[in-house]
């Protein structure tokens, strides 16, 4: 039936490819993806546990977690359940019982474009949870919904098998075909940034090393034809 389907399996990237992103900040990965691959800022972490794994997607109507429960029973170790939730904050989509069920199956985390609850439990549980908000009202279990289809979460289209990386800054979505090259580029960028932080940033006066402004900033300002004035005199 249309919009009421479950796909049992999909092509997953190799574990080695997924682990190639371990320890790379989301910002470095996003910079190497032209800065348009991150979920919006409304999708935020609810604990400090880093997130890395493979997308196992759920499409649900707002405030209903029937297919979310089914997904937990189907997902494999290393998967991340990514559920659209239609962005609703009137009812939570999951809580501590579901967190613990996911941990028992080796699931890495949840990304919910909607609300979650039982936040105290997330301080100690070994599960990464990202969501749009928190809400104590529980969900319904009526359906319909789908499992392992493309979904839109945080403004990004996510497909089963995409690689997901999350940290305190947010979440980036990586297509598995792009992953090998991207991991190498992002790793190089991280190493370059770390090296640059160990040496002074070249700057132009009047800025000193306590106020580092890269030289190229002034180059761009000059190229843009910005006018400079000595003093603000108010509106004329």
C-alpha atoms as a PDB file:
ATOM      1  CA  UNK A   1       0.000   0.000   0.000  1.00  0.00           C
ATOM      2  CA  UNK A   2       1.327   3.462  -0.869  1.00  0.00           C
ATOM      3  CA  UNK A   3       2.965   5.232   2.102  1.00  0.00           C
ATOM      4  CA  UNK A   4       2.590   2.122   4.236  1.00  0.00           C
ATOM      5  CA  UNK A   5       5.579  -0.036   3.290  1.00  0.00           C
ATOM      6  CA  UNK A   6       8.532  -1.650   5.049  1.00  0.00           C
ATOM      7  CA  UNK A   7      11.752  -2.462   3.225  1.00  0.00           C
ATOM      8  CA  UNK A   8      13.651  -5.051   5.231  1.00  0.00           C
ATOM      9  CA  UNK A   9      17.159  -4.375   3.968  1.00  0.00           C
ATOM     10  CA  UNK A  10      19.339  -2.030   1.930  1.00  0.00           C
ATOM     11  CA  UNK A  11      22.972  -1.690   0.849  1.00  0.00           C
ATOM     12  CA  UNK A  12      25.138  -0.573   3.747  1.00  0.00           C
ATOM     13  CA  UNK A  13      28.607   0.948   3.387  1.00  0.00           C
ATOM     14  CA  UNK A  14      31.451  -1.119   4.779  1.00  0.00           C
ATOM     15  CA  UNK A  15      32.301  -0.680   8.431  1.00  0.00           C
ATOM     16  CA  UNK A  16      35.789   0.503   7.440  1.00  0.00           C
ATOM     17  CA  UNK A  17      34.331   3.348   5.389  1.00  0.00           C
ATOM     18  CA  UNK A  18      32.071   4.410   8.263  1.00  0.00           C
ATOM     19  CA  UNK A  19      34.928   4.316  10.766  1.00  0.00           C
ATOM     20  CA  UNK A  20      37.058   6.482   8.460  1.00  0.00           C
ATOM     21  CA  UNK A  21      34.998   9.425   9.763  1.00  0.00           C
ATOM     22  CA  UNK A  22      35.653   8.653  13.438  1.00  0.00           C
ATOM     23  CA  UNK A  23      37.052  11.660  15.271  1.00  0.00           C
ATOM     24  CA  UNK A  24      36.509  14.118  12.412  1.00  0.00           C
ATOM     25  CA  UNK A  25      34.388  17.108  13.488  1.00  0.00           C
ATOM     26  CA  UNK A  26      31.145  17.674  11.633  1.00  0.00           C
ATOM     27  CA  UNK A  27      32.354  21.153  10.666  1.00  0.00           C
ATOM     28  CA  UNK A  28      35.385  19.759   8.806  1.00  0.00           C
ATOM     29  CA  UNK A  29      33.229  17.278   6.924  1.00  0.00           C
ATOM     30  CA  UNK A  30      30.645  19.923   6.074  1.00  0.00           C
ATOM     31  CA  UNK A  31      33.313  22.310   4.753  1.00  0.00           C
ATOM     32  CA  UNK A  32      34.388  19.613   2.287  1.00  0.00           C
ATOM     33  CA  UNK A  33      30.759  19.201   1.132  1.00  0.00           C
ATOM     34  CA  UNK A  34      30.314  22.850   0.089  1.00  0.00           C
ATOM     35  CA  UNK A  35      28.587  23.568   3.419  1.00  0.00           C
ATOM     36  CA  UNK A  36      25.103  22.415   2.360  1.00  0.00           C
ATOM     37  CA  UNK A  37      24.955  18.896   3.848  1.00  0.00           C
ATOM     38  CA  UNK A  38      24.089  19.575   7.502  1.00  0.00           C
ATOM     39  CA  UNK A  39      20.714  19.294   9.171  1.00  0.00           C
ATOM     40  CA  UNK A  40      19.313  22.598  10.331  1.00  0.00           C
ATOM     41  CA  UNK A  41      20.141  24.016  13.745  1.00  0.00           C
ATOM     42  CA  UNK A  42      16.817  22.847  15.178  1.00  0.00           C
ATOM     43  CA  UNK A  43      18.174  19.296  15.265  1.00  0.00           C
ATOM     44  CA  UNK A  44      20.405  19.374  18.323  1.00  0.00           C
ATOM     45  CA  UNK A  45      22.107  16.855  20.615  1.00  0.00           C
ATOM     46  CA  UNK A  46      20.571  15.847  23.936  1.00  0.00           C
ATOM     47  CA  UNK A  47      23.759  14.360  25.334  1.00  0.00           C
ATOM     48  CA  UNK A  48      27.483  14.626  24.630  1.00  0.00           C
ATOM     49  CA  UNK A  49      27.983  11.200  23.048  1.00  0.00           C
ATOM     50  CA  UNK A  50      29.386  11.488  19.491  1.00  0.00           C
ATOM     51  CA  UNK A  51      27.286  10.000  16.708  1.00  0.00           C
ATOM     52  CA  UNK A  52      28.611   7.866  13.856  1.00  0.00           C
ATOM     53  CA  UNK A  53      26.781   5.172  11.931  1.00  0.00           C
ATOM     54  CA  UNK A  54      24.496   4.205   9.062  1.00  0.00           C
ATOM     55  CA  UNK A  55      21.037   5.677   8.492  1.00  0.00           C
ATOM     56  CA  UNK A  56      18.059   3.372   9.066  1.00  0.00           C
ATOM     57  CA  UNK A  57      15.144   5.569   8.085  1.00  0.00           C
ATOM     58  CA  UNK A  58      11.571   5.849   9.333  1.00  0.00           C
ATOM     59  CA  UNK A  59       8.766   7.901   7.785  1.00  0.00           C
ATOM     60  CA  UNK A  60       5.977   8.587  10.237  1.00  0.00           C
ATOM     61  CA  UNK A  61       2.959  10.769  10.694  1.00  0.00           C
ATOM     62  CA  UNK A  62       3.307  13.367  13.422  1.00  0.00           C
ATOM     63  CA  UNK A  63       3.130  12.146  17.031  1.00  0.00           C
ATOM     64  CA  UNK A  64       2.982   8.452  16.094  1.00  0.00           C
ATOM     65  CA  UNK A  65       5.820   6.004  16.779  1.00  0.00           C
ATOM     66  CA  UNK A  66       4.381   2.698  15.555  1.00  0.00           C
ATOM     67  CA  UNK A  67       7.023   2.349  12.827  1.00  0.00           C
ATOM     68  CA  UNK A  68       9.732   3.697  15.146  1.00  0.00           C
ATOM     69  CA  UNK A  69       9.177   0.704  17.439  1.00  0.00           C
ATOM     70  CA  UNK A  70       9.274  -1.654  14.464  1.00  0.00           C
ATOM     71  CA  UNK A  71      12.512  -0.074  13.259  1.00  0.00           C
ATOM     72  CA  UNK A  72      14.239  -0.771  16.576  1.00  0.00           C
ATOM     73  CA  UNK A  73      13.411  -4.453  16.168  1.00  0.00           C
ATOM     74  CA  UNK A  74      14.853  -4.494  12.617  1.00  0.00           C
ATOM     75  CA  UNK A  75      17.940  -2.266  12.793  1.00  0.00           C
ATOM     76  CA  UNK A  76      21.425  -3.748  12.914  1.00  0.00           C
ATOM     77  CA  UNK A  77      24.333  -2.885  15.232  1.00  0.00           C
ATOM     78  CA  UNK A  78      25.906   0.356  14.078  1.00  0.00           C
ATOM     79  CA  UNK A  79      22.683   1.736  12.590  1.00  0.00           C
ATOM     80  CA  UNK A  80      21.198   5.125  13.455  1.00  0.00           C
ATOM     81  CA  UNK A  81      17.414   5.408  13.359  1.00  0.00           C
ATOM     82  CA  UNK A  82      16.499   8.603  11.514  1.00  0.00           C
ATOM     83  CA  UNK A  83      12.806   9.505  11.752  1.00  0.00           C
ATOM     84  CA  UNK A  84      11.065  12.447  10.159  1.00  0.00           C
ATOM     85  CA  UNK A  85       8.372  13.024  12.834  1.00  0.00           C
ATOM     86  CA  UNK A  86       7.049  15.919  10.696  1.00  0.00           C
ATOM     87  CA  UNK A  87       8.770  18.341  13.071  1.00  0.00           C
ATOM     88  CA  UNK A  88       5.951  18.137  15.597  1.00  0.00           C
ATOM     89  CA  UNK A  89       6.699  19.125  19.199  1.00  0.00           C
ATOM     90  CA  UNK A  90       3.275  18.374  20.668  1.00  0.00           C
ATOM     91  CA  UNK A  91       4.095  14.728  21.526  1.00  0.00           C
ATOM     92  CA  UNK A  92       7.385  12.900  22.043  1.00  0.00           C
ATOM     93  CA  UNK A  93       8.377  10.132  19.666  1.00  0.00           C
ATOM     94  CA  UNK A  94      10.496   8.107  22.122  1.00  0.00           C
ATOM     95  CA  UNK A  95      11.673   7.802  25.707  1.00  0.00           C
ATOM     96  CA  UNK A  96      13.781   5.721  28.053  1.00  0.00           C
ATOM     97  CA  UNK A  97      12.251   2.320  27.258  1.00  0.00           C
ATOM     98  CA  UNK A  98      13.012   2.815  23.577  1.00  0.00           C
ATOM     99  CA  UNK A  99      16.508   4.117  24.352  1.00  0.00           C
ATOM    100  CA  UNK A 100      17.283   0.972  26.333  1.00  0.00           C
ATOM    101  CA  UNK A 101      15.795  -1.301  23.672  1.00  0.00           C
ATOM    102  CA  UNK A 102      18.005   0.361  21.061  1.00  0.00           C
ATOM    103  CA  UNK A 103      21.135  -0.017  23.186  1.00  0.00           C
ATOM    104  CA  UNK A 104      20.412  -3.728  23.630  1.00  0.00           C
ATOM    105  CA  UNK A 105      20.414  -4.111  19.835  1.00  0.00           C
ATOM    106  CA  UNK A 106      23.654  -2.194  19.317  1.00  0.00           C
ATOM    107  CA  UNK A 107      21.958   0.802  17.702  1.00  0.00           C
ATOM    108  CA  UNK A 108      24.195   3.882  17.743  1.00  0.00           C
ATOM    109  CA  UNK A 109      21.575   6.586  18.102  1.00  0.00           C
ATOM    110  CA  UNK A 110      18.352   8.322  17.141  1.00  0.00           C
ATOM    111  CA  UNK A 111      17.759  11.440  15.080  1.00  0.00           C
ATOM    112  CA  UNK A 112      14.197  12.650  15.493  1.00  0.00           C
ATOM    113  CA  UNK A 113      12.708  15.574  13.585  1.00  0.00           C
ATOM    114  CA  UNK A 114      10.244  15.957  16.411  1.00  0.00           C
ATOM    115  CA  UNK A 115      10.290  15.652  20.193  1.00  0.00           C
ATOM    116  CA  UNK A 116      11.798  13.187  22.673  1.00  0.00           C
ATOM    117  CA  UNK A 117      11.445  12.776  26.433  1.00  0.00           C
ATOM    118  CA  UNK A 118      13.123  11.250  29.526  1.00  0.00           C
ATOM    119  CA  UNK A 119      16.116  13.522  29.095  1.00  0.00           C
ATOM    120  CA  UNK A 120      17.620  12.638  32.481  1.00  0.00           C
ATOM    121  CA  UNK A 121      18.222   9.103  31.255  1.00  0.00           C
ATOM    122  CA  UNK A 122      20.275  10.364  28.322  1.00  0.00           C
ATOM    123  CA  UNK A 123      22.917  11.756  30.661  1.00  0.00           C
ATOM    124  CA  UNK A 124      24.113   8.239  31.452  1.00  0.00           C
ATOM    125  CA  UNK A 125      22.873   5.975  28.629  1.00  0.00           C
ATOM    126  CA  UNK A 126      25.252   4.906  25.863  1.00  0.00           C
ATOM    127  CA  UNK A 127      23.081   6.207  23.020  1.00  0.00           C
ATOM    128  CA  UNK A 128      23.326   9.412  20.995  1.00  0.00           C
ATOM    129  CA  UNK A 129      20.020  11.237  20.641  1.00  0.00           C
ATOM    130  CA  UNK A 130      19.375  14.287  18.467  1.00  0.00           C
ATOM    131  CA  UNK A 131      15.949  15.887  18.211  1.00  0.00           C
ATOM    132  CA  UNK A 132      14.101  19.108  17.505  1.00  0.00           C
ATOM    133  CA  UNK A 133      12.747  19.439  21.043  1.00  0.00           C
ATOM    134  CA  UNK A 134      11.564  17.794  24.233  1.00  0.00           C
ATOM    135  CA  UNK A 135       7.975  17.101  25.265  1.00  0.00           C
ATOM    136  CA  UNK A 136       6.607  14.915  28.090  1.00  0.00           C
ATOM    137  CA  UNK A 137       3.402  13.993  26.219  1.00  0.00           C
ATOM    138  CA  UNK A 138       3.739  10.484  24.842  1.00  0.00           C
ATOM    139  CA  UNK A 139       3.017   9.361  21.261  1.00  0.00           C
ATOM    140  CA  UNK A 140       0.304   7.286  19.605  1.00  0.00           C
ATOM    141  CA  UNK A 141       0.742   3.967  17.818  1.00  0.00           C
ATOM    142  CA  UNK A 142      -1.701   3.952  14.958  1.00  0.00           C
ATOM    143  CA  UNK A 143       0.386   4.375  11.795  1.00  0.00           C
ATOM    144  CA  UNK A 144       0.650   4.610   8.884  1.00  0.00           C
ATOM    145  CA  UNK A 145       4.331   4.900   8.158  1.00  0.00           C
ATOM    146  CA  UNK A 146       7.238   3.462   6.219  1.00  0.00           C
ATOM    147  CA  UNK A 147      10.654   2.004   6.968  1.00  0.00           C
ATOM    148  CA  UNK A 148      13.792   2.375   4.852  1.00  0.00           C
ATOM    149  CA  UNK A 149      12.570   4.947   2.372  1.00  0.00           C
ATOM    150  CA  UNK A 150      14.011   8.422   1.811  1.00  0.00           C
ATOM    151  CA  UNK A 151      12.948  10.944   4.444  1.00  0.00           C
ATOM    152  CA  UNK A 152      13.452  14.659   5.040  1.00  0.00           C
ATOM    153  CA  UNK A 153      14.965  15.370   8.456  1.00  0.00           C
ATOM    154  CA  UNK A 154      16.272  18.758   9.487  1.00  0.00           C
ATOM    155  CA  UNK A 155      16.027  19.991   5.926  1.00  0.00           C
ATOM    156  CA  UNK A 156      18.201  17.174   4.526  1.00  0.00           C
ATOM    157  CA  UNK A 157      17.073  14.231   2.440  1.00  0.00           C
ATOM    158  CA  UNK A 158      18.308  11.054   4.131  1.00  0.00           C
ATOM    159  CA  UNK A 159      18.326   7.675   2.408  1.00  0.00           C
ATOM    160  CA  UNK A 160      18.868   4.228   3.933  1.00  0.00           C
ATOM    161  CA  UNK A 161      22.605   3.548   3.992  1.00  0.00           C
ATOM    162  CA  UNK A 162      23.738   7.162   4.233  1.00  0.00           C
ATOM    163  CA  UNK A 163      26.560   7.745   6.708  1.00  0.00           C
ATOM    164  CA  UNK A 164      25.609  10.024   9.596  1.00  0.00           C
ATOM    165  CA  UNK A 165      28.090  11.978  11.719  1.00  0.00           C
ATOM    166  CA  UNK A 166      27.031  14.088  14.684  1.00  0.00           C
ATOM    167  CA  UNK A 167      28.728  16.115  17.405  1.00  0.00           C
ATOM    168  CA  UNK A 168      27.844  19.087  19.593  1.00  0.00           C
ATOM    169  CA  UNK A 169      27.660  21.326  16.504  1.00  0.00           C
ATOM    170  CA  UNK A 170      25.028  19.212  14.754  1.00  0.00           C
ATOM    171  CA  UNK A 171      24.599  16.499  12.127  1.00  0.00           C
ATOM    172  CA  UNK A 172      25.971  15.985   8.623  1.00  0.00           C
ATOM    173  CA  UNK A 173      24.588  13.513   6.044  1.00  0.00           C
ATOM    174  CA  UNK A 174      27.020  11.689   3.740  1.00  0.00           C
ATOM    175  CA  UNK A 175      26.085   9.667   0.657  1.00  0.00           C
ATOM    176  CA  UNK A 176      27.926   6.364   0.731  1.00  0.00           C
ATOM    177  CA  UNK A 177      29.303   6.778  -2.790  1.00  0.00           C
ATOM    178  CA  UNK A 178      30.990  10.025  -1.734  1.00  0.00           C
ATOM    179  CA  UNK A 179      32.362   8.638   1.523  1.00  0.00           C
ATOM    180  CA  UNK A 180      35.839   7.288   0.640  1.00  0.00           C
ATOM    181  CA  UNK A 181      37.086  10.471  -1.037  1.00  0.00           C
ATOM    182  CA  UNK A 182      35.302  12.705   1.455  1.00  0.00           C
ATOM    183  CA  UNK A 183      36.793  10.985   4.496  1.00  0.00           C
ATOM    184  CA  UNK A 184      40.312  11.504   3.161  1.00  0.00           C
ATOM    185  CA  UNK A 185      39.698  15.169   2.342  1.00  0.00           C
ATOM    186  CA  UNK A 186      38.040  15.905   5.672  1.00  0.00           C
ATOM    187  CA  UNK A 187      40.863  14.185   7.556  1.00  0.00           C
ATOM    188  CA  UNK A 188      43.422  16.330   5.703  1.00  0.00           C
ATOM    189  CA  UNK A 189      41.460  19.468   6.501  1.00  0.00           C
ATOM    190  CA  UNK A 190      41.356  18.559  10.186  1.00  0.00           C
ATOM    191  CA  UNK A 191      45.129  18.004  10.229  1.00  0.00           C
ATOM    192  CA  UNK A 192      45.748  21.297   8.412  1.00  0.00           C
ATOM    193  CA  UNK A 193      43.575  23.192  10.878  1.00  0.00           C
ATOM    194  CA  UNK A 194      45.296  21.629  13.855  1.00  0.00           C
ATOM    195  CA  UNK A 195      48.674  22.584  12.403  1.00  0.00           C
ATOM    196  CA  UNK A 196      47.553  26.164  11.752  1.00  0.00           C
ATOM    197  CA  UNK A 197      46.395  26.550  15.357  1.00  0.00           C
ATOM    198  CA  UNK A 198      49.944  25.758  16.470  1.00  0.00           C
ATOM    199  CA  UNK A 199      51.418  28.756  14.630  1.00  0.00           C
ATOM    200  CA  UNK A 200      50.578  32.487  14.619  1.00  0.00           C
ATOM    201  CA  UNK A 201      47.989  33.601  12.083  1.00  0.00           C
ATOM    202  CA  UNK A 202      49.450  36.199   9.664  1.00  0.00           C
ATOM    203  CA  UNK A 203      47.560  39.459  10.159  1.00  0.00           C
ATOM    204  CA  UNK A 204      47.714  43.057   9.084  1.00  0.00           C
ATOM    205  CA  UNK A 205      47.891  46.056  11.421  1.00  0.00           C
ATOM    206  CA  UNK A 206      46.147  47.402  13.381  1.00  0.00           C
ATOM    207  CA  UNK A 207      45.211  43.895  14.523  1.00  0.00           C
ATOM    208  CA  UNK A 208      47.663  42.030  16.727  1.00  0.00           C
ATOM    209  CA  UNK A 209      47.879  38.380  17.629  1.00  0.00           C
ATOM    210  CA  UNK A 210      45.229  38.847  20.310  1.00  0.00           C
ATOM    211  CA  UNK A 211      42.741  39.797  17.580  1.00  0.00           C
ATOM    212  CA  UNK A 212      43.671  37.569  14.658  1.00  0.00           C
ATOM    213  CA  UNK A 213      42.011  38.565  11.389  1.00  0.00           C
ATOM    214  CA  UNK A 214      43.305  36.601   8.386  1.00  0.00           C
ATOM    215  CA  UNK A 215      44.846  38.727   5.640  1.00  0.00           C
ATOM    216  CA  UNK A 216      42.379  37.494   3.039  1.00  0.00           C
ATOM    217  CA  UNK A 217      39.495  39.203   4.876  1.00  0.00           C
ATOM    218  CA  UNK A 218      40.909  42.626   3.998  1.00  0.00           C
ATOM    219  CA  UNK A 219      41.525  41.428   0.439  1.00  0.00           C
ATOM    220  CA  UNK A 220      37.846  40.518   0.037  1.00  0.00           C
ATOM    221  CA  UNK A 221      36.705  43.792   1.602  1.00  0.00           C
ATOM    222  CA  UNK A 222      38.938  45.740  -0.794  1.00  0.00           C
ATOM    223  CA  UNK A 223      37.715  43.733  -3.776  1.00  0.00           C
ATOM    224  CA  UNK A 224      34.097  44.439  -2.776  1.00  0.00           C
ATOM    225  CA  UNK A 225      34.713  48.174  -2.883  1.00  0.00           C
ATOM    226  CA  UNK A 226      33.776  48.850   0.738  1.00  0.00           C
ATOM    227  CA  UNK A 227      34.012  52.546   1.708  1.00  0.00           C
ATOM    228  CA  UNK A 228      35.721  53.589   4.946  1.00  0.00           C
ATOM    229  CA  UNK A 229      34.864  56.678   7.008  1.00  0.00           C
ATOM    230  CA  UNK A 230      36.621  58.055  10.063  1.00  0.00           C
ATOM    231  CA  UNK A 231      33.618  58.585  12.295  1.00  0.00           C
ATOM    232  CA  UNK A 232      29.883  57.864  12.584  1.00  0.00           C
ATOM    233  CA  UNK A 233      28.092  61.229  12.624  1.00  0.00           C
ATOM    234  CA  UNK A 234      24.519  59.942  12.668  1.00  0.00           C
ATOM    235  CA  UNK A 235      21.980  60.132   9.884  1.00  0.00           C
ATOM    236  CA  UNK A 236      22.260  63.172   7.611  1.00  0.00           C
END
